[in-house]
Amino acid sequence: MSSVYEPLPPLPDESDALDDSLARAANVMLEAHMGQFRKNGAAYETHPRTVAAMFEKKSMRIIGLLHDVLEDAEEKYTAEKLRRIFPEWVVARLVILTRKPGEDYFDYIERVNTDDACRKIKLADLWHNLSDSRPGSRRDKYRFAQHYLTTVRPPGPALSAPLQIQSQPLQSALPS
């Protein structure tokens, strides 16, 4: 893949000001995935909640909660609509985390790898998807993506340390 990507807006410093965005993200996620179910029969909302719960930083929890909204609820939410609700640092990353129709999966993973936050969210997403998936080609594809995202670094500034999975209850990912 030879595309050059523009740098994304930086993630904000952690503050109580992100609490409102975190609550909005939880509400948008719930509305976007209402009536959707995972392949194992669980309500779909359990997946973004689990991904978000793997992170300590509120900014990462916001992105984790919303990471599937553009792909799985395009009839309810577009990037333009989300820009009226969330700052650009959120939406820009959601666009990167969304696989485009007809896009080669490996081109998509390479694009995700261009941003440290997106890479970490995708790794958490893959980890959760693998934790409850059945054997088959999807698992192989996910395992390849995990390997790529943990070993291949794009040119440019060094990325931060590898993802450290947080072990905490799902409820702690959302504001009360």
Protein backbone atom coordinates (compact mmCIF):
# COMPACT_ATOMS: atom_id res chain seq x y z
CA MET A 1 0.00 0.00 0.00
CA SER A 2 1.57 3.24 -1.06
CA SER A 3 -0.89 5.79 0.30
CA VAL A 4 0.41 8.52 2.58
CA TYR A 5 -1.82 9.43 5.47
CA GLU A 6 -2.20 12.83 7.04
CA PRO A 7 -1.39 13.00 10.74
CA LEU A 8 -4.50 12.81 12.90
CA PRO A 9 -5.42 15.34 15.57
CA PRO A 10 -3.73 14.32 18.82
CA LEU A 11 -5.69 12.64 21.57
CA PRO A 12 -6.62 15.13 24.29
CA ASP A 13 -5.12 15.20 27.74
CA GLU A 14 -7.15 13.18 30.20
CA SER A 15 -9.55 15.35 32.16
CA ASP A 16 -13.03 15.40 33.62
CA ALA A 17 -14.07 17.27 30.47
CA LEU A 18 -14.02 13.92 28.64
CA ASP A 19 -16.76 12.53 30.91
CA ASP A 20 -19.46 14.16 28.76
CA SER A 21 -17.96 12.71 25.56
CA LEU A 22 -17.73 9.28 27.21
CA ALA A 23 -21.42 9.42 28.17
CA ARG A 24 -22.36 10.56 24.64
CA ALA A 25 -20.26 7.74 23.17
CA ALA A 26 -22.07 5.18 25.32
CA ASN A 27 -25.46 6.54 24.22
CA VAL A 28 -24.52 6.61 20.53
CA MET A 29 -23.10 3.08 20.75
CA LEU A 30 -26.28 1.78 22.38
CA GLU A 31 -28.51 3.42 19.77
CA ALA A 32 -26.30 2.32 16.87
CA HIS A 33 -26.20 -1.34 17.92
CA MET A 34 -29.78 -1.64 19.24
CA GLY A 35 -31.26 -4.93 18.06
CA GLN A 36 -27.90 -6.27 16.83
CA PHE A 37 -26.41 -9.52 18.11
CA ARG A 38 -22.99 -11.15 18.03
CA LYS A 39 -22.51 -14.53 16.37
CA ASN A 40 -22.58 -16.13 19.84
CA GLY A 41 -26.07 -14.68 20.46
CA ALA A 42 -25.00 -11.96 22.93
CA ALA A 43 -26.30 -8.42 22.50
CA TYR A 44 -23.82 -6.61 20.25
CA GLU A 45 -23.29 -3.83 22.80
CA THR A 46 -21.24 -6.27 24.88
CA HIS A 47 -18.48 -6.14 22.25
CA PRO A 48 -17.76 -2.37 22.22
CA ARG A 49 -18.16 -2.30 26.01
CA THR A 50 -15.53 -5.04 26.32
CA VAL A 51 -13.15 -3.26 23.92
CA ALA A 52 -13.58 0.04 25.80
CA ALA A 53 -13.04 -1.65 29.17
CA MET A 54 -9.55 -2.72 28.09
CA PHE A 55 -8.33 0.88 28.31
CA GLU A 56 -7.69 3.17 31.21
CA LYS A 57 -7.71 6.46 29.28
CA LYS A 58 -11.12 8.00 28.67
CA SER A 59 -10.11 9.04 25.15
CA MET A 60 -9.40 5.42 24.25
CA ARG A 61 -12.64 4.25 25.89
CA ILE A 62 -14.59 6.73 23.75
CA ILE A 63 -13.00 5.37 20.57
CA GLY A 64 -13.45 1.79 21.81
CA LEU A 65 -17.16 2.29 22.42
CA LEU A 66 -17.66 3.76 18.95
CA HIS A 67 -15.22 1.66 16.91
CA ASP A 68 -17.92 -0.30 15.00
CA VAL A 69 -20.58 2.40 14.64
CA LEU A 70 -19.71 3.59 11.11
CA GLU A 71 -19.37 0.04 9.78
CA ASP A 72 -22.34 -1.59 11.51
CA ALA A 73 -24.84 1.27 11.70
CA GLU A 74 -24.22 3.29 8.53
CA GLU A 75 -27.96 3.86 8.14
CA LYS A 76 -28.03 5.67 11.50
CA TYR A 77 -24.59 7.27 11.70
CA THR A 78 -22.24 8.73 9.11
CA ALA A 79 -18.90 10.41 9.73
CA GLU A 80 -20.58 13.75 9.03
CA LYS A 81 -23.28 13.10 11.64
CA LEU A 82 -20.69 11.97 14.19
CA ARG A 83 -18.70 15.20 13.56
CA ARG A 84 -21.72 17.12 14.89
CA ILE A 85 -21.53 15.07 18.11
CA PHE A 86 -17.81 14.40 18.69
CA PRO A 87 -14.52 16.24 18.12
CA GLU A 88 -12.40 15.47 15.07
CA TRP A 89 -9.84 13.45 17.06
CA VAL A 90 -12.61 10.87 17.63
CA VAL A 91 -14.19 10.83 14.17
CA ALA A 92 -10.88 10.74 12.29
CA ARG A 93 -9.97 7.55 14.14
CA LEU A 94 -13.39 6.00 13.61
CA VAL A 95 -12.97 6.57 9.87
CA ILE A 96 -9.62 4.74 9.96
CA LEU A 97 -11.11 1.90 12.02
CA THR A 98 -13.94 1.43 9.52
CA ARG A 99 -13.32 -1.00 6.68
CA LYS A 100 -14.63 0.46 3.43
CA PRO A 101 -16.96 -1.62 1.22
CA GLY A 102 -14.85 -3.78 -1.10
CA GLU A 103 -11.61 -2.84 0.68
CA ASP A 104 -9.02 -5.59 0.89
CA TYR A 105 -8.75 -6.69 4.53
CA PHE A 106 -4.96 -6.47 4.56
CA ASP A 107 -5.00 -2.95 3.08
CA TYR A 108 -7.45 -2.05 5.84
CA ILE A 109 -5.16 -3.47 8.54
CA GLU A 110 -2.21 -1.60 7.07
CA ARG A 111 -4.23 1.64 7.25
CA VAL A 112 -5.22 0.93 10.87
CA ASN A 113 -1.52 0.51 11.66
CA THR A 114 -0.81 4.14 10.71
CA ASP A 115 -2.14 5.47 14.03
CA ASP A 116 -1.11 4.25 17.47
CA ALA A 117 -4.58 4.65 19.02
CA CYS A 118 -6.26 2.89 16.09
CA ARG A 119 -3.74 0.07 16.27
CA LYS A 120 -4.43 -0.46 19.98
CA ILE A 121 -8.22 -0.34 19.54
CA LYS A 122 -8.03 -2.84 16.66
CA LEU A 123 -5.84 -5.17 18.72
CA ALA A 124 -8.40 -5.07 21.54
CA ASP A 125 -11.18 -5.66 18.99
CA LEU A 126 -9.34 -8.64 17.51
CA TRP A 127 -8.60 -10.07 20.96
CA HIS A 128 -12.29 -9.97 21.89
CA ASN A 129 -13.42 -11.33 18.52
CA LEU A 130 -10.97 -14.22 18.80
CA SER A 131 -12.01 -14.97 22.38
CA ASP A 132 -15.44 -16.14 21.30
CA SER A 133 -15.06 -17.15 17.65
CA ARG A 134 -15.16 -20.65 16.20
CA PRO A 135 -12.28 -22.17 14.24
CA GLY A 136 -12.11 -21.18 10.59
CA SER A 137 -10.74 -18.69 8.09
CA ARG A 138 -11.95 -15.66 10.07
CA ARG A 139 -9.80 -16.74 13.02
CA ASP A 140 -6.79 -17.11 10.70
CA LYS A 141 -7.41 -13.64 9.28
CA TYR A 142 -7.73 -12.17 12.77
CA ARG A 143 -4.56 -13.90 13.94
CA PHE A 144 -2.65 -12.54 10.95
CA ALA A 145 -3.93 -9.05 11.73
CA GLN A 146 -2.86 -9.40 15.37
CA HIS A 147 0.61 -10.48 14.31
CA TYR A 148 0.91 -7.65 11.78
CA LEU A 149 -0.27 -4.96 14.20
CA THR A 150 2.10 -6.13 16.93
CA THR A 151 5.21 -6.59 14.78
CA VAL A 152 5.06 -4.25 11.75
CA ARG A 153 5.57 -0.57 12.36
CA PRO A 154 4.79 2.05 9.72
CA PRO A 155 7.50 4.53 8.73
CA GLY A 156 7.51 7.67 10.81
CA PRO A 157 7.68 8.45 14.51
CA ALA A 158 8.01 5.51 16.85
CA LEU A 159 4.76 4.19 18.26
CA SER A 160 4.25 3.83 21.96
CA ALA A 161 4.53 0.59 23.90
CA PRO A 162 2.44 -2.44 22.91
CA LEU A 163 -1.13 -2.75 24.12
CA GLN A 164 -1.49 -3.83 27.72
CA ILE A 165 -4.84 -5.50 28.30
CA GLN A 166 -6.63 -4.08 31.33
CA SER A 167 -8.51 -6.56 33.47
CA GLN A 168 -11.57 -4.79 34.82
CA PRO A 169 -15.33 -5.28 34.86
CA LEU A 170 -17.30 -4.12 31.82
CA GLN A 171 -19.28 -1.64 33.87
CA SER A 172 -16.13 0.37 34.60
CA ALA A 173 -15.82 1.33 30.90
CA LEU A 174 -18.91 3.50 31.09
CA PRO A 175 -19.83 6.43 33.28
CA SER A 176 -22.47 5.67 35.87
